[in-house]
Amino acid sequence: MPESADGALPLGHAAALGLLHGPAELLPISSSGHVELIPWLAGWPYARLDPELRKSFEVALHAGTAAALLVALRDEVAEAAVGLDARRVGLILGSLLPPAAAALLLERRIEREATSPGAIALGLLAGSAAMVAAEAIPSHAKPRRARAEAGLADGLALGLAQACALWPGVSRNGATLVAARLRGFGREDANVLSRHVALPVIAGATALKGYRLARRGVPAPLATAFGVGTAAAFASTLGSVRLVRTADRGHSLLPYAAYRTALAGLAIRRLRQNRRR
């Protein structure tokens, strides 16, 4: 099968990336960083596809993940909708505005300049440093706040975090968890807030990019692979929701920071090896 010239994407690789996308989106490790780095490290032809095709495939994976999240977290979504008031509207709007503005102004530039392995490694390291900083603050120095108190100012902080996560490797989940912790919310409440502000952004971005993808069309050789990847992302997200529940129990961010640092180190090592050849 041709590797990249005709836009080939083996079905097994598409399925593997879809299966990876679910847990990587739910955990603070960066789904976009993994979808770009893992094929590159493994030498898969996906890493040599046209950047626009890779971006389109990521849209398909996000569509599967977003649909699964709406199904798996339907109780939380319904609860949030029923209890919608001015405070929650402020929280959601505040969390939406910064990433929407950043995407409008910087998305194309980020796609051109920040999707290389080196740039993703930098994003992984930056996110890890932020996690370590959040965990380093003594618990007595952080006022314990309940998520029911979150309002516009908290939404803006979470929105700025989501804007930073446009850089692959940073992680939307990780950035919002750090922002919520720094705003004084406990680990469990930070996890719930992270999900609540992420869902509208994921759904909105997927809808917009999906519309663009529909207008542009999917190349015939890739149509089946896109479908397989979307289905795998849907299934892996549903199967990984327990990870979300486990994270809600108050686990530290440090293990995730260590994993992200190790992955970044692996990418940097590979880059150095390539330069020596």
C-alpha atoms as a PDB file:
ATOM      1  CA  MET A   1       0.000   0.000   0.000  1.00  0.00           C
ATOM      2  CA  PRO A   2       1.505   3.419  -0.878  1.00  0.00           C
ATOM      3  CA  GLU A   3       2.568   5.356   2.109  1.00  0.00           C
ATOM      4  CA  SER A   4       1.719   9.005   1.655  1.00  0.00           C
ATOM      5  CA  ALA A   5       1.667  10.081  -1.934  1.00  0.00           C
ATOM      6  CA  ASP A   6      -1.925   8.966  -2.482  1.00  0.00           C
ATOM      7  CA  GLY A   7      -3.121   9.702   1.034  1.00  0.00           C
ATOM      8  CA  ALA A   8      -3.190   6.075   2.179  1.00  0.00           C
ATOM      9  CA  LEU A   9      -4.136   5.329   5.786  1.00  0.00           C
ATOM     10  CA  PRO A  10      -4.131   1.630   6.759  1.00  0.00           C
ATOM     11  CA  LEU A  11      -7.349   0.652   8.519  1.00  0.00           C
ATOM     12  CA  GLY A  12      -5.431  -0.915  11.396  1.00  0.00           C
ATOM     13  CA  HIS A  13      -3.588   2.341  12.009  1.00  0.00           C
ATOM     14  CA  ALA A  14      -6.820   4.330  11.810  1.00  0.00           C
ATOM     15  CA  ALA A  15      -8.412   2.016  14.375  1.00  0.00           C
ATOM     16  CA  ALA A  16      -5.385   2.190  16.662  1.00  0.00           C
ATOM     17  CA  LEU A  17      -5.375   5.994  16.600  1.00  0.00           C
ATOM     18  CA  GLY A  18      -9.109   6.030  17.333  1.00  0.00           C
ATOM     19  CA  LEU A  19      -8.644   3.678  20.277  1.00  0.00           C
ATOM     20  CA  LEU A  20      -5.837   5.897  21.558  1.00  0.00           C
ATOM     21  CA  HIS A  21      -7.855   9.084  21.175  1.00  0.00           C
ATOM     22  CA  GLY A  22     -10.519   8.289  23.775  1.00  0.00           C
ATOM     23  CA  PRO A  23      -8.320   7.858  26.870  1.00  0.00           C
ATOM     24  CA  ALA A  24      -5.877  10.512  25.657  1.00  0.00           C
ATOM     25  CA  GLU A  25      -8.736  13.043  25.471  1.00  0.00           C
ATOM     26  CA  LEU A  26     -10.093  12.117  28.903  1.00  0.00           C
ATOM     27  CA  LEU A  27      -6.732  12.186  30.669  1.00  0.00           C
ATOM     28  CA  PRO A  28      -4.443  15.265  30.902  1.00  0.00           C
ATOM     29  CA  ILE A  29      -1.918  13.936  28.391  1.00  0.00           C
ATOM     30  CA  SER A  30      -2.988  15.628  25.102  1.00  0.00           C
ATOM     31  CA  SER A  31      -4.919  13.671  22.506  1.00  0.00           C
ATOM     32  CA  SER A  32      -3.658  15.861  19.649  1.00  0.00           C
ATOM     33  CA  GLY A  33      -0.065  15.400  20.792  1.00  0.00           C
ATOM     34  CA  HIS A  34      -0.446  11.633  20.904  1.00  0.00           C
ATOM     35  CA  VAL A  35      -2.189  11.378  17.532  1.00  0.00           C
ATOM     36  CA  GLU A  36       0.729  13.249  15.964  1.00  0.00           C
ATOM     37  CA  LEU A  37       3.655  11.816  17.946  1.00  0.00           C
ATOM     38  CA  ILE A  38       2.822   8.113  18.195  1.00  0.00           C
ATOM     39  CA  PRO A  39       2.657   7.485  14.401  1.00  0.00           C
ATOM     40  CA  TRP A  40       5.849   9.519  13.940  1.00  0.00           C
ATOM     41  CA  LEU A  41       7.692   7.540  16.615  1.00  0.00           C
ATOM     42  CA  ALA A  42       6.362   4.260  15.193  1.00  0.00           C
ATOM     43  CA  GLY A  43       7.260   5.176  11.611  1.00  0.00           C
ATOM     44  CA  TRP A  44       3.687   4.847  10.381  1.00  0.00           C
ATOM     45  CA  PRO A  45       2.720   6.356   6.999  1.00  0.00           C
ATOM     46  CA  TYR A  46       0.194   8.586   8.821  1.00  0.00           C
ATOM     47  CA  ALA A  47       3.073  10.818   9.891  1.00  0.00           C
ATOM     48  CA  ARG A  48       3.795  11.509   6.217  1.00  0.00           C
ATOM     49  CA  LEU A  49       0.268  12.317   5.162  1.00  0.00           C
ATOM     50  CA  ASP A  50      -0.560  15.806   3.954  1.00  0.00           C
ATOM     51  CA  PRO A  51      -1.065  18.052   7.058  1.00  0.00           C
ATOM     52  CA  GLU A  52      -4.600  18.958   5.930  1.00  0.00           C
ATOM     53  CA  LEU A  53      -5.526  15.275   5.734  1.00  0.00           C
ATOM     54  CA  ARG A  54      -4.117  14.640   9.205  1.00  0.00           C
ATOM     55  CA  LYS A  55      -6.072  17.594  10.569  1.00  0.00           C
ATOM     56  CA  SER A  56      -9.232  16.286   8.900  1.00  0.00           C
ATOM     57  CA  PHE A  57      -8.687  12.860  10.449  1.00  0.00           C
ATOM     58  CA  GLU A  58      -8.307  14.480  13.883  1.00  0.00           C
ATOM     59  CA  VAL A  59     -11.663  16.187  13.313  1.00  0.00           C
ATOM     60  CA  ALA A  60     -13.190  12.760  12.668  1.00  0.00           C
ATOM     61  CA  LEU A  61     -11.651  11.396  15.874  1.00  0.00           C
ATOM     62  CA  HIS A  62     -12.932  14.370  17.879  1.00  0.00           C
ATOM     63  CA  ALA A  63     -16.403  13.819  16.439  1.00  0.00           C
ATOM     64  CA  GLY A  64     -16.399  10.251  17.755  1.00  0.00           C
ATOM     65  CA  THR A  65     -15.104  11.354  21.132  1.00  0.00           C
ATOM     66  CA  ALA A  66     -17.582  14.239  21.460  1.00  0.00           C
ATOM     67  CA  ALA A  67     -20.530  11.983  20.629  1.00  0.00           C
ATOM     68  CA  ALA A  68     -19.381   9.406  23.191  1.00  0.00           C
ATOM     69  CA  LEU A  69     -18.920  12.066  25.889  1.00  0.00           C
ATOM     70  CA  LEU A  70     -22.443  13.360  25.336  1.00  0.00           C
ATOM     71  CA  VAL A  71     -23.738   9.809  25.762  1.00  0.00           C
ATOM     72  CA  ALA A  72     -21.555   8.849  28.728  1.00  0.00           C
ATOM     73  CA  LEU A  73     -21.953  12.131  30.597  1.00  0.00           C
ATOM     74  CA  ARG A  74     -25.610  12.711  29.714  1.00  0.00           C
ATOM     75  CA  ASP A  75     -26.587  12.849  33.395  1.00  0.00           C
ATOM     76  CA  GLU A  76     -24.061  15.599  34.072  1.00  0.00           C
ATOM     77  CA  VAL A  77     -25.094  17.459  30.923  1.00  0.00           C
ATOM     78  CA  ALA A  78     -28.774  17.232  31.898  1.00  0.00           C
ATOM     79  CA  GLU A  79     -28.022  18.367  35.450  1.00  0.00           C
ATOM     80  CA  ALA A  80     -26.053  21.361  34.171  1.00  0.00           C
ATOM     81  CA  ALA A  81     -28.824  22.276  31.715  1.00  0.00           C
ATOM     82  CA  VAL A  82     -31.584  22.041  34.336  1.00  0.00           C
ATOM     83  CA  GLY A  83     -29.597  24.118  36.829  1.00  0.00           C
ATOM     84  CA  LEU A  84     -28.621  26.765  34.277  1.00  0.00           C
ATOM     85  CA  ASP A  85     -28.562  30.217  35.835  1.00  0.00           C
ATOM     86  CA  ALA A  86     -26.693  33.499  35.382  1.00  0.00           C
ATOM     87  CA  ARG A  87     -23.629  32.194  37.222  1.00  0.00           C
ATOM     88  CA  ARG A  88     -23.344  29.074  35.065  1.00  0.00           C
ATOM     89  CA  VAL A  89     -24.000  31.046  31.900  1.00  0.00           C
ATOM     90  CA  GLY A  90     -21.117  33.340  32.909  1.00  0.00           C
ATOM     91  CA  LEU A  91     -18.903  30.323  33.562  1.00  0.00           C
ATOM     92  CA  ILE A  92     -19.637  28.774  30.153  1.00  0.00           C
ATOM     93  CA  LEU A  93     -19.375  32.044  28.219  1.00  0.00           C
ATOM     94  CA  GLY A  94     -16.140  32.967  29.980  1.00  0.00           C
ATOM     95  CA  SER A  95     -14.666  29.577  29.146  1.00  0.00           C
ATOM     96  CA  LEU A  96     -15.734  29.815  25.489  1.00  0.00           C
ATOM     97  CA  LEU A  97     -14.590  33.307  24.541  1.00  0.00           C
ATOM     98  CA  PRO A  98     -10.773  32.972  24.924  1.00  0.00           C
ATOM     99  CA  PRO A  99     -10.393  29.721  22.935  1.00  0.00           C
ATOM    100  CA  ALA A 100     -12.822  30.972  20.270  1.00  0.00           C
ATOM    101  CA  ALA A 101     -10.875  34.217  19.856  1.00  0.00           C
ATOM    102  CA  ALA A 102      -7.527  32.416  19.878  1.00  0.00           C
ATOM    103  CA  ALA A 103      -8.739  29.903  17.276  1.00  0.00           C
ATOM    104  CA  LEU A 104     -10.033  32.679  15.051  1.00  0.00           C
ATOM    105  CA  LEU A 105      -6.767  34.608  15.206  1.00  0.00           C
ATOM    106  CA  LEU A 106      -4.136  31.900  15.552  1.00  0.00           C
ATOM    107  CA  GLU A 107      -5.492  28.509  14.472  1.00  0.00           C
ATOM    108  CA  ARG A 108      -3.955  28.493  10.997  1.00  0.00           C
ATOM    109  CA  ARG A 109      -0.603  29.717  12.294  1.00  0.00           C
ATOM    110  CA  ILE A 110      -0.578  27.082  15.030  1.00  0.00           C
ATOM    111  CA  GLU A 111      -1.408  24.365  12.494  1.00  0.00           C
ATOM    112  CA  ARG A 112       1.523  25.505  10.338  1.00  0.00           C
ATOM    113  CA  GLU A 113       4.125  26.030  13.044  1.00  0.00           C
ATOM    114  CA  ALA A 114       3.207  23.971  16.120  1.00  0.00           C
ATOM    115  CA  THR A 115       2.529  20.463  14.836  1.00  0.00           C
ATOM    116  CA  SER A 116       6.123  19.324  14.414  1.00  0.00           C
ATOM    117  CA  PRO A 117       7.444  16.699  16.871  1.00  0.00           C
ATOM    118  CA  GLY A 118       9.712  19.293  18.492  1.00  0.00           C
ATOM    119  CA  ALA A 119       6.863  21.757  19.001  1.00  0.00           C
ATOM    120  CA  ILE A 120       4.629  19.042  20.468  1.00  0.00           C
ATOM    121  CA  ALA A 121       7.412  17.977  22.844  1.00  0.00           C
ATOM    122  CA  LEU A 122       7.652  21.603  23.981  1.00  0.00           C
ATOM    123  CA  GLY A 123       3.909  21.656  24.614  1.00  0.00           C
ATOM    124  CA  LEU A 124       4.131  18.439  26.641  1.00  0.00           C
ATOM    125  CA  LEU A 125       6.952  19.856  28.767  1.00  0.00           C
ATOM    126  CA  ALA A 126       5.184  23.182  29.311  1.00  0.00           C
ATOM    127  CA  GLY A 127       2.031  21.402  30.429  1.00  0.00           C
ATOM    128  CA  SER A 128       4.029  19.158  32.747  1.00  0.00           C
ATOM    129  CA  ALA A 129       5.718  22.167  34.352  1.00  0.00           C
ATOM    130  CA  ALA A 130       2.308  23.773  34.962  1.00  0.00           C
ATOM    131  CA  MET A 131       1.038  20.573  36.603  1.00  0.00           C
ATOM    132  CA  VAL A 132       4.064  20.387  38.890  1.00  0.00           C
ATOM    133  CA  ALA A 133       3.590  24.046  39.848  1.00  0.00           C
ATOM    134  CA  ALA A 134      -0.085  23.463  40.677  1.00  0.00           C
ATOM    135  CA  GLU A 135       0.730  20.432  42.823  1.00  0.00           C
ATOM    136  CA  ALA A 136       3.584  22.284  44.572  1.00  0.00           C
ATOM    137  CA  ILE A 137       1.263  24.818  46.183  1.00  0.00           C
ATOM    138  CA  PRO A 138       0.656  23.655  49.777  1.00  0.00           C
ATOM    139  CA  SER A 139      -2.927  22.544  50.318  1.00  0.00           C
ATOM    140  CA  HIS A 140      -3.362  24.992  53.212  1.00  0.00           C
ATOM    141  CA  ALA A 141      -2.405  27.855  50.880  1.00  0.00           C
ATOM    142  CA  LYS A 142      -5.239  27.052  48.485  1.00  0.00           C
ATOM    143  CA  PRO A 143      -8.748  27.950  49.684  1.00  0.00           C
ATOM    144  CA  ARG A 144     -11.093  25.019  49.156  1.00  0.00           C
ATOM    145  CA  ARG A 145     -13.860  26.162  46.842  1.00  0.00           C
ATOM    146  CA  ALA A 146     -16.856  24.193  45.631  1.00  0.00           C
ATOM    147  CA  ARG A 147     -17.629  24.039  41.921  1.00  0.00           C
ATOM    148  CA  ALA A 148     -21.050  25.561  42.667  1.00  0.00           C
ATOM    149  CA  GLU A 149     -19.192  28.836  43.333  1.00  0.00           C
ATOM    150  CA  ALA A 150     -17.545  28.989  39.907  1.00  0.00           C
ATOM    151  CA  GLY A 151     -18.527  32.071  37.908  1.00  0.00           C
ATOM    152  CA  LEU A 152     -17.396  34.384  35.144  1.00  0.00           C
ATOM    153  CA  ALA A 153     -13.879  35.040  36.492  1.00  0.00           C
ATOM    154  CA  ASP A 154     -13.292  31.300  36.859  1.00  0.00           C
ATOM    155  CA  GLY A 155     -14.695  30.729  33.373  1.00  0.00           C
ATOM    156  CA  LEU A 156     -12.257  33.249  31.907  1.00  0.00           C
ATOM    157  CA  ALA A 157      -9.342  31.534  33.666  1.00  0.00           C
ATOM    158  CA  LEU A 158     -10.470  28.159  32.342  1.00  0.00           C
ATOM    159  CA  GLY A 159     -11.026  29.690  28.913  1.00  0.00           C
ATOM    160  CA  LEU A 160      -7.496  31.083  28.821  1.00  0.00           C
ATOM    161  CA  ALA A 161      -6.261  27.602  29.727  1.00  0.00           C
ATOM    162  CA  GLN A 162      -8.244  26.137  26.827  1.00  0.00           C
ATOM    163  CA  ALA A 163      -6.790  28.764  24.509  1.00  0.00           C
ATOM    164  CA  CYS A 164      -3.281  27.695  25.526  1.00  0.00           C
ATOM    165  CA  ALA A 165      -4.274  24.105  24.768  1.00  0.00           C
ATOM    166  CA  LEU A 166      -4.639  24.939  21.071  1.00  0.00           C
ATOM    167  CA  TRP A 167      -0.895  24.263  21.060  1.00  0.00           C
ATOM    168  CA  PRO A 168      -0.619  20.478  20.521  1.00  0.00           C
ATOM    169  CA  GLY A 169       0.857  18.721  23.528  1.00  0.00           C
ATOM    170  CA  VAL A 170      -0.416  21.159  26.141  1.00  0.00           C
ATOM    171  CA  SER A 171      -3.716  19.266  26.688  1.00  0.00           C
ATOM    172  CA  ARG A 172      -7.075  20.938  27.155  1.00  0.00           C
ATOM    173  CA  ASN A 173      -7.876  18.678  30.085  1.00  0.00           C
ATOM    174  CA  GLY A 174      -4.510  19.257  31.738  1.00  0.00           C
ATOM    175  CA  ALA A 175      -4.591  23.034  31.262  1.00  0.00           C
ATOM    176  CA  THR A 176      -8.095  23.414  32.679  1.00  0.00           C
ATOM    177  CA  LEU A 177      -7.280  21.158  35.636  1.00  0.00           C
ATOM    178  CA  VAL A 178      -4.269  23.326  36.457  1.00  0.00           C
ATOM    179  CA  ALA A 179      -6.309  26.519  36.090  1.00  0.00           C
ATOM    180  CA  ALA A 180      -9.086  25.186  38.329  1.00  0.00           C
ATOM    181  CA  ARG A 181      -6.609  24.039  40.969  1.00  0.00           C
ATOM    182  CA  LEU A 182      -4.882  27.432  40.928  1.00  0.00           C
ATOM    183  CA  ARG A 183      -8.304  29.073  41.344  1.00  0.00           C
ATOM    184  CA  GLY A 184      -8.698  27.157  44.603  1.00  0.00           C
ATOM    185  CA  PHE A 185     -10.919  24.242  43.623  1.00  0.00           C
ATOM    186  CA  GLY A 186     -10.224  20.799  45.032  1.00  0.00           C
ATOM    187  CA  ARG A 187      -9.182  17.937  42.786  1.00  0.00           C
ATOM    188  CA  GLU A 188     -12.631  16.403  42.353  1.00  0.00           C
ATOM    189  CA  ASP A 189     -14.350  19.733  41.651  1.00  0.00           C
ATOM    190  CA  ALA A 190     -11.511  20.721  39.292  1.00  0.00           C
ATOM    191  CA  ASN A 191     -12.126  17.534  37.275  1.00  0.00           C
ATOM    192  CA  VAL A 192     -15.856  18.208  36.976  1.00  0.00           C
ATOM    193  CA  LEU A 193     -15.296  21.847  35.989  1.00  0.00           C
ATOM    194  CA  SER A 194     -12.716  20.757  33.427  1.00  0.00           C
ATOM    195  CA  ARG A 195     -15.269  18.464  31.775  1.00  0.00           C
ATOM    196  CA  HIS A 196     -18.104  20.982  31.910  1.00  0.00           C
ATOM    197  CA  VAL A 197     -16.146  23.718  30.148  1.00  0.00           C
ATOM    198  CA  ALA A 198     -14.490  21.316  27.700  1.00  0.00           C
ATOM    199  CA  LEU A 199     -17.679  19.783  26.296  1.00  0.00           C
ATOM    200  CA  PRO A 200     -19.005  22.986  24.646  1.00  0.00           C
ATOM    201  CA  VAL A 201     -15.566  23.750  23.162  1.00  0.00           C
ATOM    202  CA  ILE A 202     -15.070  20.206  21.838  1.00  0.00           C
ATOM    203  CA  ALA A 203     -18.590  20.097  20.406  1.00  0.00           C
ATOM    204  CA  GLY A 204     -18.345  23.570  18.863  1.00  0.00           C
ATOM    205  CA  ALA A 205     -14.909  23.028  17.356  1.00  0.00           C
ATOM    206  CA  THR A 206     -15.930  19.624  16.013  1.00  0.00           C
ATOM    207  CA  ALA A 207     -19.082  21.053  14.433  1.00  0.00           C
ATOM    208  CA  LEU A 208     -17.190  23.915  12.782  1.00  0.00           C
ATOM    209  CA  LYS A 209     -14.332  21.779  11.513  1.00  0.00           C
ATOM    210  CA  GLY A 210     -16.748  19.054  10.513  1.00  0.00           C
ATOM    211  CA  TYR A 211     -18.621  21.571   8.380  1.00  0.00           C
ATOM    212  CA  ARG A 212     -15.363  22.608   6.722  1.00  0.00           C
ATOM    213  CA  LEU A 213     -14.474  18.968   6.183  1.00  0.00           C
ATOM    214  CA  ALA A 214     -17.875  18.239   4.639  1.00  0.00           C
ATOM    215  CA  ARG A 215     -17.452  21.133   2.226  1.00  0.00           C
ATOM    216  CA  ARG A 216     -13.950  20.037   1.282  1.00  0.00           C
ATOM    217  CA  GLY A 217     -14.868  16.369   1.153  1.00  0.00           C
ATOM    218  CA  VAL A 218     -12.938  13.273   2.224  1.00  0.00           C
ATOM    219  CA  PRO A 219     -10.773  11.618  -0.459  1.00  0.00           C
ATOM    220  CA  ALA A 220     -12.334   8.336  -1.490  1.00  0.00           C
ATOM    221  CA  PRO A 221      -9.313   6.197  -0.432  1.00  0.00           C
ATOM    222  CA  LEU A 222      -9.609   7.642   3.086  1.00  0.00           C
ATOM    223  CA  ALA A 223     -13.371   7.487   3.602  1.00  0.00           C
ATOM    224  CA  THR A 224     -13.374   4.017   5.160  1.00  0.00           C
ATOM    225  CA  ALA A 225     -10.354   4.807   7.345  1.00  0.00           C
ATOM    226  CA  PHE A 226     -12.070   7.948   8.622  1.00  0.00           C
ATOM    227  CA  GLY A 227     -15.152   5.920   9.501  1.00  0.00           C
ATOM    228  CA  VAL A 228     -13.097   3.266  11.289  1.00  0.00           C
ATOM    229  CA  GLY A 229     -11.183   5.893  13.260  1.00  0.00           C
ATOM    230  CA  THR A 230     -14.377   7.701  14.280  1.00  0.00           C
ATOM    231  CA  ALA A 231     -16.026   4.476  15.445  1.00  0.00           C
ATOM    232  CA  ALA A 232     -12.910   3.444  17.370  1.00  0.00           C
ATOM    233  CA  ALA A 233     -12.713   6.860  19.068  1.00  0.00           C
ATOM    234  CA  PHE A 234     -16.385   6.597  20.038  1.00  0.00           C
ATOM    235  CA  ALA A 235     -15.910   3.109  21.500  1.00  0.00           C
ATOM    236  CA  SER A 236     -12.670   3.898  23.322  1.00  0.00           C
ATOM    237  CA  THR A 237     -14.156   7.042  24.856  1.00  0.00           C
ATOM    238  CA  LEU A 238     -17.163   5.150  26.161  1.00  0.00           C
ATOM    239  CA  GLY A 239     -14.882   2.451  27.505  1.00  0.00           C
ATOM    240  CA  SER A 240     -12.587   4.986  29.162  1.00  0.00           C
ATOM    241  CA  VAL A 241     -15.186   6.970  31.094  1.00  0.00           C
ATOM    242  CA  ARG A 242     -14.217   5.012  34.191  1.00  0.00           C
ATOM    243  CA  LEU A 243     -10.873   6.788  33.930  1.00  0.00           C
ATOM    244  CA  VAL A 244     -12.740  10.042  34.432  1.00  0.00           C
ATOM    245  CA  ARG A 245     -14.457   8.690  37.521  1.00  0.00           C
ATOM    246  CA  THR A 246     -11.125   7.481  38.863  1.00  0.00           C
ATOM    247  CA  ALA A 247      -9.552  10.889  38.277  1.00  0.00           C
ATOM    248  CA  ASP A 248     -12.427  12.462  40.200  1.00  0.00           C
ATOM    249  CA  ARG A 249     -11.251  10.673  43.315  1.00  0.00           C
ATOM    250  CA  GLY A 250      -8.490  13.202  43.808  1.00  0.00           C
ATOM    251  CA  HIS A 251      -5.411  11.693  42.224  1.00  0.00           C
ATOM    252  CA  SER A 252      -2.335  13.862  41.882  1.00  0.00           C
ATOM    253  CA  LEU A 253      -1.316  15.372  38.545  1.00  0.00           C
ATOM    254  CA  LEU A 254       2.315  14.397  39.106  1.00  0.00           C
ATOM    255  CA  PRO A 255       2.126  10.920  37.482  1.00  0.00           C
ATOM    256  CA  TYR A 256       0.690  12.514  34.362  1.00  0.00           C
ATOM    257  CA  ALA A 257       3.416  15.142  34.389  1.00  0.00           C
ATOM    258  CA  ALA A 258       6.042  12.401  34.632  1.00  0.00           C
ATOM    259  CA  TYR A 259       4.517  10.450  31.740  1.00  0.00           C
ATOM    260  CA  ARG A 260       4.288  13.557  29.555  1.00  0.00           C
ATOM    261  CA  THR A 261       7.914  14.435  30.318  1.00  0.00           C
ATOM    262  CA  ALA A 262       9.018  10.922  29.394  1.00  0.00           C
ATOM    263  CA  LEU A 263       7.133  11.069  26.087  1.00  0.00           C
ATOM    264  CA  ALA A 264       8.629  14.480  25.298  1.00  0.00           C
ATOM    265  CA  GLY A 265      12.089  13.135  26.125  1.00  0.00           C
ATOM    266  CA  LEU A 266      11.540  10.213  23.754  1.00  0.00           C
ATOM    267  CA  ALA A 267      10.555  12.598  20.963  1.00  0.00           C
ATOM    268  CA  ILE A 268      13.567  14.846  21.590  1.00  0.00           C
ATOM    269  CA  ARG A 269      15.880  11.840  21.590  1.00  0.00           C
ATOM    270  CA  ARG A 270      14.466  10.672  18.252  1.00  0.00           C
ATOM    271  CA  LEU A 271      14.922  14.146  16.781  1.00  0.00           C
ATOM    272  CA  ARG A 272      18.574  14.172  17.846  1.00  0.00           C
ATOM    273  CA  GLN A 273      19.124  10.735  16.342  1.00  0.00           C
ATOM    274  CA  ASN A 274      17.581  11.871  13.069  1.00  0.00           C
ATOM    275  CA  ARG A 275      19.867  14.888  12.938  1.00  0.00           C
ATOM    276  CA  ARG A 276      22.951  12.698  13.334  1.00  0.00           C
ATOM    277  CA  ARG A 277      22.050  10.555  10.328  1.00  0.00           C
END
